[in-house]
């Protein structure tokens, strides 16, 4: 099997929040992605980590979304696929911004978590695993992979009541 060249862009968000014992808060201070990746079997994967920022997505501004879009599209031009780890509250804004800049050369898959990796009842590892699989199966486009589904931008929104994403379209698999 051929090696798959993957760019993994981290932007922060709930998936990467860590508990701060002195304040009792969950904050974006250190990345837990390397720890998560170490627990997965990832054969035939050439992984390039791109630590773009480490922010709660509610703290992101238009310049941050533009940077994420540009970085994702640039990485898609030199990799077989891109996974963007992002906060869920503003993930759709970055997905739409990426989609609006034109079609990528390879799939770009956004993912995140509703509950931090450090919590026992987390969806973080499942969502990261789903994104890592989806990016290998999808054709070029901009997607979100979470909670056992993949949706294609534009038109994806967060359903705060259900705690997941809806809208967009369901993509077909790459040829």
C-alpha atoms as a PDB file:
ATOM      1  CA  UNK A   1       0.000   0.000   0.000  1.00  0.00           C
ATOM      2  CA  UNK A   2       1.288   3.465  -0.898  1.00  0.00           C
ATOM      3  CA  UNK A   3       2.028   6.063   1.732  1.00  0.00           C
ATOM      4  CA  UNK A   4      -0.645   8.698   2.320  1.00  0.00           C
ATOM      5  CA  UNK A   5       0.740  12.215   2.884  1.00  0.00           C
ATOM      6  CA  UNK A   6      -1.472  13.945   5.463  1.00  0.00           C
ATOM      7  CA  UNK A   7      -1.321  17.484   6.818  1.00  0.00           C
ATOM      8  CA  UNK A   8      -2.877  17.740  10.283  1.00  0.00           C
ATOM      9  CA  UNK A   9      -3.646  21.367  11.122  1.00  0.00           C
ATOM     10  CA  UNK A  10      -4.454  22.147  14.734  1.00  0.00           C
ATOM     11  CA  UNK A  11      -6.320  25.294  15.695  1.00  0.00           C
ATOM     12  CA  UNK A  12      -7.396  24.489  19.249  1.00  0.00           C
ATOM     13  CA  UNK A  13     -11.003  24.110  20.319  1.00  0.00           C
ATOM     14  CA  UNK A  14     -12.672  21.876  22.873  1.00  0.00           C
ATOM     15  CA  UNK A  15     -10.950  18.748  21.537  1.00  0.00           C
ATOM     16  CA  UNK A  16      -7.611  20.152  22.756  1.00  0.00           C
ATOM     17  CA  UNK A  17      -8.694  21.785  26.014  1.00  0.00           C
ATOM     18  CA  UNK A  18      -6.841  20.702  29.125  1.00  0.00           C
ATOM     19  CA  UNK A  19      -7.795  21.016  32.769  1.00  0.00           C
ATOM     20  CA  UNK A  20      -6.022  23.760  34.684  1.00  0.00           C
ATOM     21  CA  UNK A  21      -5.997  22.665  38.356  1.00  0.00           C
ATOM     22  CA  UNK A  22      -5.147  26.078  39.801  1.00  0.00           C
ATOM     23  CA  UNK A  23      -8.132  27.799  38.203  1.00  0.00           C
ATOM     24  CA  UNK A  24     -10.419  24.783  37.782  1.00  0.00           C
ATOM     25  CA  UNK A  25     -10.960  25.699  34.120  1.00  0.00           C
ATOM     26  CA  UNK A  26     -10.637  23.885  30.823  1.00  0.00           C
ATOM     27  CA  UNK A  27      -8.434  25.976  28.532  1.00  0.00           C
ATOM     28  CA  UNK A  28      -6.484  25.817  25.297  1.00  0.00           C
ATOM     29  CA  UNK A  29      -2.942  25.905  26.669  1.00  0.00           C
ATOM     30  CA  UNK A  30      -1.228  22.759  25.399  1.00  0.00           C
ATOM     31  CA  UNK A  31      -2.023  20.454  22.496  1.00  0.00           C
ATOM     32  CA  UNK A  32      -3.086  16.893  23.235  1.00  0.00           C
ATOM     33  CA  UNK A  33      -3.101  15.799  19.577  1.00  0.00           C
ATOM     34  CA  UNK A  34       0.280  14.057  19.705  1.00  0.00           C
ATOM     35  CA  UNK A  35      -0.913  12.053  22.707  1.00  0.00           C
ATOM     36  CA  UNK A  36      -4.141  11.111  20.896  1.00  0.00           C
ATOM     37  CA  UNK A  37      -2.256  10.116  17.733  1.00  0.00           C
ATOM     38  CA  UNK A  38       0.114   7.925  19.758  1.00  0.00           C
ATOM     39  CA  UNK A  39      -2.882   5.764  20.748  1.00  0.00           C
ATOM     40  CA  UNK A  40      -3.868   5.033  17.148  1.00  0.00           C
ATOM     41  CA  UNK A  41      -2.440   2.600  14.636  1.00  0.00           C
ATOM     42  CA  UNK A  42      -1.676   4.687  11.561  1.00  0.00           C
ATOM     43  CA  UNK A  43       0.126   2.488   9.036  1.00  0.00           C
ATOM     44  CA  UNK A  44       1.305   3.939   5.740  1.00  0.00           C
ATOM     45  CA  UNK A  45       0.723   7.485   6.933  1.00  0.00           C
ATOM     46  CA  UNK A  46       3.226  10.292   6.490  1.00  0.00           C
ATOM     47  CA  UNK A  47       1.912  12.852   8.957  1.00  0.00           C
ATOM     48  CA  UNK A  48       2.873  16.527   8.866  1.00  0.00           C
ATOM     49  CA  UNK A  49       1.665  18.430  11.934  1.00  0.00           C
ATOM     50  CA  UNK A  50       0.896  22.112  11.419  1.00  0.00           C
ATOM     51  CA  UNK A  51       0.186  23.823  14.773  1.00  0.00           C
ATOM     52  CA  UNK A  52      -1.539  26.927  13.401  1.00  0.00           C
ATOM     53  CA  UNK A  53      -3.054  28.303  16.618  1.00  0.00           C
ATOM     54  CA  UNK A  54      -4.498  27.073  19.905  1.00  0.00           C
ATOM     55  CA  UNK A  55      -7.741  28.999  20.442  1.00  0.00           C
ATOM     56  CA  UNK A  56     -11.272  28.395  21.537  1.00  0.00           C
ATOM     57  CA  UNK A  57     -13.193  28.957  18.316  1.00  0.00           C
ATOM     58  CA  UNK A  58     -15.438  31.506  20.042  1.00  0.00           C
ATOM     59  CA  UNK A  59     -12.298  33.655  20.320  1.00  0.00           C
ATOM     60  CA  UNK A  60     -11.551  33.436  16.581  1.00  0.00           C
ATOM     61  CA  UNK A  61     -12.030  36.441  14.330  1.00  0.00           C
ATOM     62  CA  UNK A  62     -12.312  36.822  10.560  1.00  0.00           C
ATOM     63  CA  UNK A  63      -8.526  36.907  10.187  1.00  0.00           C
ATOM     64  CA  UNK A  64      -8.251  33.552  12.002  1.00  0.00           C
ATOM     65  CA  UNK A  65     -10.863  31.942   9.720  1.00  0.00           C
ATOM     66  CA  UNK A  66      -9.060  33.340   6.682  1.00  0.00           C
ATOM     67  CA  UNK A  67      -5.716  31.996   7.932  1.00  0.00           C
ATOM     68  CA  UNK A  68      -7.249  28.551   8.498  1.00  0.00           C
ATOM     69  CA  UNK A  69      -8.774  28.576   5.001  1.00  0.00           C
ATOM     70  CA  UNK A  70      -5.550  29.678   3.306  1.00  0.00           C
ATOM     71  CA  UNK A  71      -3.396  27.232   5.290  1.00  0.00           C
ATOM     72  CA  UNK A  72      -5.773  24.341   4.560  1.00  0.00           C
ATOM     73  CA  UNK A  73      -5.874  25.051   0.835  1.00  0.00           C
ATOM     74  CA  UNK A  74      -2.105  25.454   0.669  1.00  0.00           C
ATOM     75  CA  UNK A  75      -1.594  22.135   2.485  1.00  0.00           C
ATOM     76  CA  UNK A  76      -4.127  20.439   0.177  1.00  0.00           C
ATOM     77  CA  UNK A  77      -1.917  21.376  -2.763  1.00  0.00           C
ATOM     78  CA  UNK A  78       1.064  19.422  -1.425  1.00  0.00           C
ATOM     79  CA  UNK A  79      -0.601  16.562   0.496  1.00  0.00           C
ATOM     80  CA  UNK A  80      -3.007  13.725  -0.291  1.00  0.00           C
ATOM     81  CA  UNK A  81      -5.388  15.107   2.325  1.00  0.00           C
ATOM     82  CA  UNK A  82      -5.772  17.583   5.178  1.00  0.00           C
ATOM     83  CA  UNK A  83      -7.442  17.189   8.571  1.00  0.00           C
ATOM     84  CA  UNK A  84      -8.200  20.398  10.484  1.00  0.00           C
ATOM     85  CA  UNK A  85      -8.827  20.048  14.215  1.00  0.00           C
ATOM     86  CA  UNK A  86     -11.087  22.953  15.147  1.00  0.00           C
ATOM     87  CA  UNK A  87     -13.457  24.187  17.835  1.00  0.00           C
ATOM     88  CA  UNK A  88     -17.047  23.250  17.035  1.00  0.00           C
ATOM     89  CA  UNK A  89     -18.702  26.600  17.778  1.00  0.00           C
ATOM     90  CA  UNK A  90     -17.122  28.327  14.754  1.00  0.00           C
ATOM     91  CA  UNK A  91     -16.020  25.296  12.704  1.00  0.00           C
ATOM     92  CA  UNK A  92     -18.692  25.982  10.081  1.00  0.00           C
ATOM     93  CA  UNK A  93     -17.362  29.528   9.592  1.00  0.00           C
ATOM     94  CA  UNK A  94     -13.881  28.195   8.778  1.00  0.00           C
ATOM     95  CA  UNK A  95     -15.358  25.439   6.598  1.00  0.00           C
ATOM     96  CA  UNK A  96     -17.395  27.945   4.604  1.00  0.00           C
ATOM     97  CA  UNK A  97     -14.397  30.297   4.316  1.00  0.00           C
ATOM     98  CA  UNK A  98     -12.282  27.441   2.970  1.00  0.00           C
ATOM     99  CA  UNK A  99     -14.975  26.369   0.537  1.00  0.00           C
ATOM    100  CA  UNK A 100     -15.455  29.949  -0.692  1.00  0.00           C
ATOM    101  CA  UNK A 101     -11.806  30.242  -1.770  1.00  0.00           C
ATOM    102  CA  UNK A 102     -12.176  27.615  -4.466  1.00  0.00           C
ATOM    103  CA  UNK A 103     -11.949  23.863  -4.762  1.00  0.00           C
ATOM    104  CA  UNK A 104      -9.022  22.215  -2.983  1.00  0.00           C
ATOM    105  CA  UNK A 105      -6.624  19.849  -4.747  1.00  0.00           C
ATOM    106  CA  UNK A 106      -7.294  17.112  -2.152  1.00  0.00           C
ATOM    107  CA  UNK A 107      -9.893  16.526   0.589  1.00  0.00           C
ATOM    108  CA  UNK A 108      -9.953  18.862   3.587  1.00  0.00           C
ATOM    109  CA  UNK A 109     -11.775  17.359   6.574  1.00  0.00           C
ATOM    110  CA  UNK A 110     -12.636  19.440   9.640  1.00  0.00           C
ATOM    111  CA  UNK A 111     -13.271  17.753  12.964  1.00  0.00           C
ATOM    112  CA  UNK A 112     -13.511  18.637  16.633  1.00  0.00           C
ATOM    113  CA  UNK A 113     -15.224  17.523  19.810  1.00  0.00           C
ATOM    114  CA  UNK A 114     -18.133  18.560  21.969  1.00  0.00           C
ATOM    115  CA  UNK A 115     -16.280  17.267  25.039  1.00  0.00           C
ATOM    116  CA  UNK A 116     -12.490  17.590  25.638  1.00  0.00           C
ATOM    117  CA  UNK A 117     -10.197  14.608  25.171  1.00  0.00           C
ATOM    118  CA  UNK A 118      -9.244  14.745  28.843  1.00  0.00           C
ATOM    119  CA  UNK A 119     -12.810  13.940  29.982  1.00  0.00           C
ATOM    120  CA  UNK A 120     -13.956  10.335  30.410  1.00  0.00           C
ATOM    121  CA  UNK A 121     -17.085  10.907  28.340  1.00  0.00           C
ATOM    122  CA  UNK A 122     -15.327  12.378  25.312  1.00  0.00           C
ATOM    123  CA  UNK A 123     -16.079  12.178  21.616  1.00  0.00           C
ATOM    124  CA  UNK A 124     -12.616  13.490  20.706  1.00  0.00           C
ATOM    125  CA  UNK A 125     -10.783  10.273  19.808  1.00  0.00           C
ATOM    126  CA  UNK A 126     -13.759   8.898  17.855  1.00  0.00           C
ATOM    127  CA  UNK A 127     -14.070  12.108  15.827  1.00  0.00           C
ATOM    128  CA  UNK A 128     -10.334  12.299  15.122  1.00  0.00           C
ATOM    129  CA  UNK A 129     -10.352   8.651  14.004  1.00  0.00           C
ATOM    130  CA  UNK A 130     -13.357   9.261  11.739  1.00  0.00           C
ATOM    131  CA  UNK A 131     -11.659  12.275  10.154  1.00  0.00           C
ATOM    132  CA  UNK A 132      -8.448  10.296   9.577  1.00  0.00           C
ATOM    133  CA  UNK A 133     -10.437   7.594   7.782  1.00  0.00           C
ATOM    134  CA  UNK A 134     -12.680   9.991   5.846  1.00  0.00           C
ATOM    135  CA  UNK A 135      -9.765  12.007   4.449  1.00  0.00           C
ATOM    136  CA  UNK A 136      -8.410   8.816   2.854  1.00  0.00           C
ATOM    137  CA  UNK A 137     -11.740   7.882   1.256  1.00  0.00           C
ATOM    138  CA  UNK A 138     -13.077  11.220   0.017  1.00  0.00           C
ATOM    139  CA  UNK A 139     -12.300  13.083  -3.167  1.00  0.00           C
ATOM    140  CA  UNK A 140     -11.358  16.770  -3.231  1.00  0.00           C
ATOM    141  CA  UNK A 141     -13.729  19.044  -1.314  1.00  0.00           C
ATOM    142  CA  UNK A 142     -14.303  20.548   2.129  1.00  0.00           C
ATOM    143  CA  UNK A 143     -16.011  18.344   4.730  1.00  0.00           C
ATOM    144  CA  UNK A 144     -16.729  17.847   8.415  1.00  0.00           C
ATOM    145  CA  UNK A 145     -16.439  14.353   9.941  1.00  0.00           C
ATOM    146  CA  UNK A 146     -17.944  13.869  13.383  1.00  0.00           C
ATOM    147  CA  UNK A 147     -20.370  11.626  15.205  1.00  0.00           C
ATOM    148  CA  UNK A 148     -20.405   8.858  12.609  1.00  0.00           C
ATOM    149  CA  UNK A 149     -21.192  11.052   9.610  1.00  0.00           C
ATOM    150  CA  UNK A 150     -19.488  13.138   6.965  1.00  0.00           C
ATOM    151  CA  UNK A 151     -21.049  16.310   5.562  1.00  0.00           C
ATOM    152  CA  UNK A 152     -19.782  18.442   2.697  1.00  0.00           C
ATOM    153  CA  UNK A 153     -19.585  22.237   2.728  1.00  0.00           C
ATOM    154  CA  UNK A 154     -21.186  24.639   1.965  1.00  0.00           C
ATOM    155  CA  UNK A 155     -24.307  24.639   4.100  1.00  0.00           C
ATOM    156  CA  UNK A 156     -23.029  22.786   7.171  1.00  0.00           C
ATOM    157  CA  UNK A 157     -24.157  24.245  10.511  1.00  0.00           C
ATOM    158  CA  UNK A 158     -23.839  23.265  14.159  1.00  0.00           C
ATOM    159  CA  UNK A 159     -27.062  22.030  15.753  1.00  0.00           C
ATOM    160  CA  UNK A 160     -26.574  23.217  19.327  1.00  0.00           C
ATOM    161  CA  UNK A 161     -29.592  21.278  20.591  1.00  0.00           C
ATOM    162  CA  UNK A 162     -28.455  17.927  19.154  1.00  0.00           C
ATOM    163  CA  UNK A 163     -24.757  18.651  19.768  1.00  0.00           C
ATOM    164  CA  UNK A 164     -23.644  17.761  16.245  1.00  0.00           C
ATOM    165  CA  UNK A 165     -23.526  19.098  12.689  1.00  0.00           C
ATOM    166  CA  UNK A 166     -26.299  19.114  10.101  1.00  0.00           C
ATOM    167  CA  UNK A 167     -26.875  20.379   6.568  1.00  0.00           C
ATOM    168  CA  UNK A 168     -24.483  20.378   3.675  1.00  0.00           C
ATOM    169  CA  UNK A 169     -24.564  17.276   1.552  1.00  0.00           C
ATOM    170  CA  UNK A 170     -23.530  13.669   2.046  1.00  0.00           C
ATOM    171  CA  UNK A 171     -20.510  13.089  -0.203  1.00  0.00           C
ATOM    172  CA  UNK A 172     -19.821  10.093  -2.377  1.00  0.00           C
ATOM    173  CA  UNK A 173     -16.515   8.288  -2.056  1.00  0.00           C
ATOM    174  CA  UNK A 174     -13.482   9.087  -4.160  1.00  0.00           C
ATOM    175  CA  UNK A 175     -13.147   7.216  -7.447  1.00  0.00           C
END
